[in-house]
Amino acid sequence: LTGQVSNFRKRPTHQYFSLKDDRAVIQATIWSGVYQRLGFDLEEGMKINVVGRVQVYEPSGSYSIIIEKAEPDGIGA
């Protein structure tokens, strides 16, 4: 999944942000342990490629992605 980081919020155990493109947006979470292993810092507006698993919050029917891997767009392509 490729998108732009928006509304980035850093917390002690998670990092939260929206991952968006010109047609859609999904809420994203990355655990601190995964974030520390990325090798780069996420920044507002950065375009990234991610791999993760989709999670459904049933009360509202909303989807989010739990990120397992990420890299700046264009790296390793």
N, C-alpha and C. Protein backbone atom coordinates (compact mmCIF):
# COMPACT_ATOMS: atom_id res chain seq x y z
N LEU A 1 0.85 -1.17 0.00
CA LEU A 1 0.00 0.00 0.00
C LEU A 1 0.90 1.23 0.00
N THR A 2 0.59 2.18 -0.84
CA THR A 2 1.39 3.41 -0.93
C THR A 2 0.51 4.61 -0.63
N GLY A 3 1.03 5.52 0.17
CA GLY A 3 0.28 6.72 0.47
C GLY A 3 1.13 7.76 1.17
N GLN A 4 0.50 8.88 1.47
CA GLN A 4 1.16 10.01 2.10
C GLN A 4 0.79 10.05 3.58
N VAL A 5 1.79 10.28 4.44
CA VAL A 5 1.58 10.38 5.88
C VAL A 5 0.88 11.70 6.19
N SER A 6 -0.20 11.61 6.97
CA SER A 6 -0.96 12.79 7.36
C SER A 6 -1.39 12.64 8.82
N ASN A 7 -1.46 13.74 9.55
CA ASN A 7 -1.91 13.73 10.96
C ASN A 7 -1.06 12.81 11.83
N PHE A 8 0.26 12.83 11.64
CA PHE A 8 1.17 11.96 12.38
C PHE A 8 1.18 12.33 13.86
N ARG A 9 0.99 11.31 14.73
CA ARG A 9 1.01 11.49 16.18
C ARG A 9 1.88 10.41 16.80
N LYS A 10 2.91 10.83 17.51
CA LYS A 10 3.84 9.89 18.14
C LYS A 10 3.45 9.71 19.61
N ARG A 11 3.30 8.47 20.01
CA ARG A 11 2.96 8.12 21.39
C ARG A 11 4.03 7.17 21.93
N PRO A 12 4.06 6.93 23.23
CA PRO A 12 5.10 6.05 23.79
C PRO A 12 5.08 4.62 23.23
N THR A 13 3.91 4.08 22.93
CA THR A 13 3.85 2.68 22.48
C THR A 13 3.42 2.51 21.03
N HIS A 14 2.86 3.53 20.42
CA HIS A 14 2.38 3.47 19.04
C HIS A 14 2.65 4.80 18.34
N GLN A 15 2.64 4.75 17.03
CA GLN A 15 2.59 5.94 16.20
C GLN A 15 1.30 5.84 15.40
N TYR A 16 0.54 6.90 15.35
CA TYR A 16 -0.74 6.92 14.64
C TYR A 16 -0.67 7.95 13.52
N PHE A 17 -1.29 7.65 12.39
CA PHE A 17 -1.38 8.62 11.31
C PHE A 17 -2.41 8.14 10.30
N SER A 18 -2.73 9.01 9.37
CA SER A 18 -3.57 8.63 8.24
C SER A 18 -2.64 8.38 7.07
N LEU A 19 -2.97 7.39 6.27
CA LEU A 19 -2.24 7.10 5.04
C LEU A 19 -3.21 7.39 3.91
N LYS A 20 -2.86 8.36 3.05
CA LYS A 20 -3.84 8.79 2.06
C LYS A 20 -3.21 8.93 0.68
N ASP A 21 -4.08 8.85 -0.32
CA ASP A 21 -3.71 9.19 -1.69
C ASP A 21 -4.82 10.09 -2.22
N ASP A 22 -4.85 10.31 -3.52
CA ASP A 22 -5.84 11.23 -4.06
C ASP A 22 -7.26 10.67 -4.08
N ARG A 23 -7.42 9.37 -3.77
CA ARG A 23 -8.76 8.76 -3.82
C ARG A 23 -9.26 8.17 -2.51
N ALA A 24 -8.37 7.93 -1.55
CA ALA A 24 -8.80 7.24 -0.33
C ALA A 24 -7.89 7.60 0.85
N VAL A 25 -8.37 7.26 2.04
CA VAL A 25 -7.59 7.43 3.26
C VAL A 25 -7.89 6.26 4.19
N ILE A 26 -6.85 5.79 4.90
CA ILE A 26 -7.03 4.74 5.90
C ILE A 26 -6.21 5.14 7.12
N GLN A 27 -6.76 4.89 8.30
CA GLN A 27 -6.03 5.15 9.53
C GLN A 27 -4.95 4.08 9.69
N ALA A 28 -3.79 4.48 10.18
CA ALA A 28 -2.66 3.56 10.30
C ALA A 28 -2.08 3.63 11.70
N THR A 29 -1.60 2.47 12.17
CA THR A 29 -0.93 2.36 13.45
C THR A 29 0.36 1.58 13.23
N ILE A 30 1.42 2.03 13.88
CA ILE A 30 2.67 1.28 13.85
C ILE A 30 3.19 1.18 15.29
N TRP A 31 3.46 -0.03 15.74
CA TRP A 31 3.98 -0.26 17.08
C TRP A 31 5.37 0.35 17.19
N SER A 32 5.74 0.83 18.37
CA SER A 32 7.04 1.48 18.58
C SER A 32 8.21 0.57 18.21
N GLY A 33 8.13 -0.72 18.52
CA GLY A 33 9.21 -1.64 18.18
C GLY A 33 9.44 -1.73 16.69
N VAL A 34 8.37 -1.75 15.92
CA VAL A 34 8.46 -1.76 14.46
C VAL A 34 9.00 -0.41 13.98
N TYR A 35 8.50 0.66 14.55
CA TYR A 35 8.93 2.01 14.15
C TYR A 35 10.43 2.20 14.35
N GLN A 36 10.95 1.72 15.47
CA GLN A 36 12.37 1.87 15.77
C GLN A 36 13.24 1.12 14.77
N ARG A 37 12.73 0.05 14.17
CA ARG A 37 13.51 -0.74 13.22
C ARG A 37 13.40 -0.23 11.77
N LEU A 38 12.61 0.79 11.53
CA LEU A 38 12.42 1.27 10.16
C LEU A 38 13.71 1.80 9.54
N GLY A 39 14.53 2.47 10.31
CA GLY A 39 15.75 3.07 9.78
C GLY A 39 15.53 4.49 9.25
N PHE A 40 14.35 5.03 9.43
CA PHE A 40 14.05 6.42 9.06
C PHE A 40 12.90 6.90 9.92
N ASP A 41 12.75 8.21 10.04
CA ASP A 41 11.65 8.80 10.80
C ASP A 41 10.52 9.17 9.85
N LEU A 42 9.31 8.84 10.24
CA LEU A 42 8.15 9.27 9.47
C LEU A 42 7.96 10.76 9.67
N GLU A 43 7.56 11.43 8.60
CA GLU A 43 7.32 12.87 8.65
C GLU A 43 6.02 13.19 7.95
N GLU A 44 5.37 14.22 8.41
CA GLU A 44 4.14 14.71 7.79
C GLU A 44 4.38 14.96 6.31
N GLY A 45 3.52 14.42 5.46
CA GLY A 45 3.63 14.64 4.02
C GLY A 45 4.51 13.65 3.28
N MET A 46 5.25 12.80 4.01
CA MET A 46 6.14 11.82 3.38
C MET A 46 5.33 10.75 2.67
N LYS A 47 5.75 10.38 1.46
CA LYS A 47 5.10 9.30 0.72
C LYS A 47 5.84 8.00 1.04
N ILE A 48 5.09 6.97 1.49
CA ILE A 48 5.70 5.72 1.91
C ILE A 48 4.97 4.52 1.31
N ASN A 49 5.68 3.40 1.28
CA ASN A 49 5.11 2.10 0.92
C ASN A 49 5.05 1.29 2.20
N VAL A 50 3.92 0.64 2.46
CA VAL A 50 3.77 -0.14 3.69
C VAL A 50 3.23 -1.53 3.40
N VAL A 51 3.54 -2.43 4.32
CA VAL A 51 2.96 -3.77 4.35
C VAL A 51 2.39 -3.92 5.75
N GLY A 52 1.19 -4.47 5.85
CA GLY A 52 0.59 -4.65 7.15
C GLY A 52 -0.66 -5.48 7.07
N ARG A 53 -1.42 -5.46 8.14
CA ARG A 53 -2.66 -6.23 8.17
C ARG A 53 -3.82 -5.29 8.47
N VAL A 54 -4.92 -5.55 7.79
CA VAL A 54 -6.11 -4.73 7.96
C VAL A 54 -6.84 -5.16 9.22
N GLN A 55 -7.33 -4.18 9.94
CA GLN A 55 -8.09 -4.42 11.16
C GLN A 55 -9.45 -3.73 11.00
N VAL A 56 -10.50 -4.37 11.48
CA VAL A 56 -11.84 -3.79 11.41
C VAL A 56 -12.31 -3.48 12.82
N TYR A 57 -12.75 -2.24 13.03
CA TYR A 57 -13.37 -1.85 14.30
C TYR A 57 -14.87 -2.03 14.11
N GLU A 58 -15.39 -3.13 14.63
CA GLU A 58 -16.77 -3.53 14.34
C GLU A 58 -17.85 -2.54 14.75
N PRO A 59 -17.75 -1.86 15.92
CA PRO A 59 -18.84 -0.95 16.28
C PRO A 59 -19.13 0.12 15.23
N SER A 60 -18.09 0.60 14.55
CA SER A 60 -18.32 1.63 13.53
C SER A 60 -18.12 1.11 12.11
N GLY A 61 -17.62 -0.12 11.99
CA GLY A 61 -17.36 -0.68 10.67
C GLY A 61 -16.19 -0.02 9.96
N SER A 62 -15.30 0.61 10.73
CA SER A 62 -14.16 1.31 10.11
C SER A 62 -12.95 0.39 10.00
N TYR A 63 -12.15 0.63 8.98
CA TYR A 63 -10.95 -0.14 8.73
C TYR A 63 -9.71 0.67 9.10
N SER A 64 -8.66 -0.04 9.50
CA SER A 64 -7.36 0.58 9.71
C SER A 64 -6.30 -0.44 9.31
N ILE A 65 -5.07 0.01 9.23
CA ILE A 65 -3.97 -0.89 8.91
C ILE A 65 -2.95 -0.85 10.03
N ILE A 66 -2.52 -2.03 10.46
CA ILE A 66 -1.44 -2.17 11.43
C ILE A 66 -0.19 -2.43 10.60
N ILE A 67 0.72 -1.49 10.60
CA ILE A 67 1.89 -1.56 9.72
C ILE A 67 2.96 -2.47 10.31
N GLU A 68 3.45 -3.36 9.47
CA GLU A 68 4.52 -4.29 9.85
C GLU A 68 5.85 -3.93 9.20
N LYS A 69 5.82 -3.30 8.03
CA LYS A 69 7.02 -2.86 7.32
C LYS A 69 6.68 -1.57 6.59
N ALA A 70 7.68 -0.70 6.45
CA ALA A 70 7.48 0.55 5.71
C ALA A 70 8.82 1.01 5.15
N GLU A 71 8.74 1.71 4.03
CA GLU A 71 9.93 2.34 3.44
C GLU A 71 9.48 3.57 2.66
N PRO A 72 10.37 4.55 2.55
CA PRO A 72 10.03 5.71 1.74
C PRO A 72 9.73 5.27 0.31
N ASP A 73 8.77 5.88 -0.33
CA ASP A 73 8.42 5.53 -1.71
C ASP A 73 9.62 5.77 -2.61
N GLY A 74 9.87 4.81 -3.51
CA GLY A 74 11.00 4.91 -4.42
C GLY A 74 12.22 4.14 -3.97
N ILE A 75 12.28 3.73 -2.71
CA ILE A 75 13.39 2.94 -2.19
C ILE A 75 13.14 1.48 -2.51
N GLY A 76 14.10 0.80 -3.07
CA GLY A 76 13.98 -0.63 -3.34
C GLY A 76 13.06 -0.98 -4.48
N ALA A 77 12.62 0.00 -5.23
CA ALA A 77 11.70 -0.26 -6.34
C ALA A 77 12.45 -0.78 -7.56
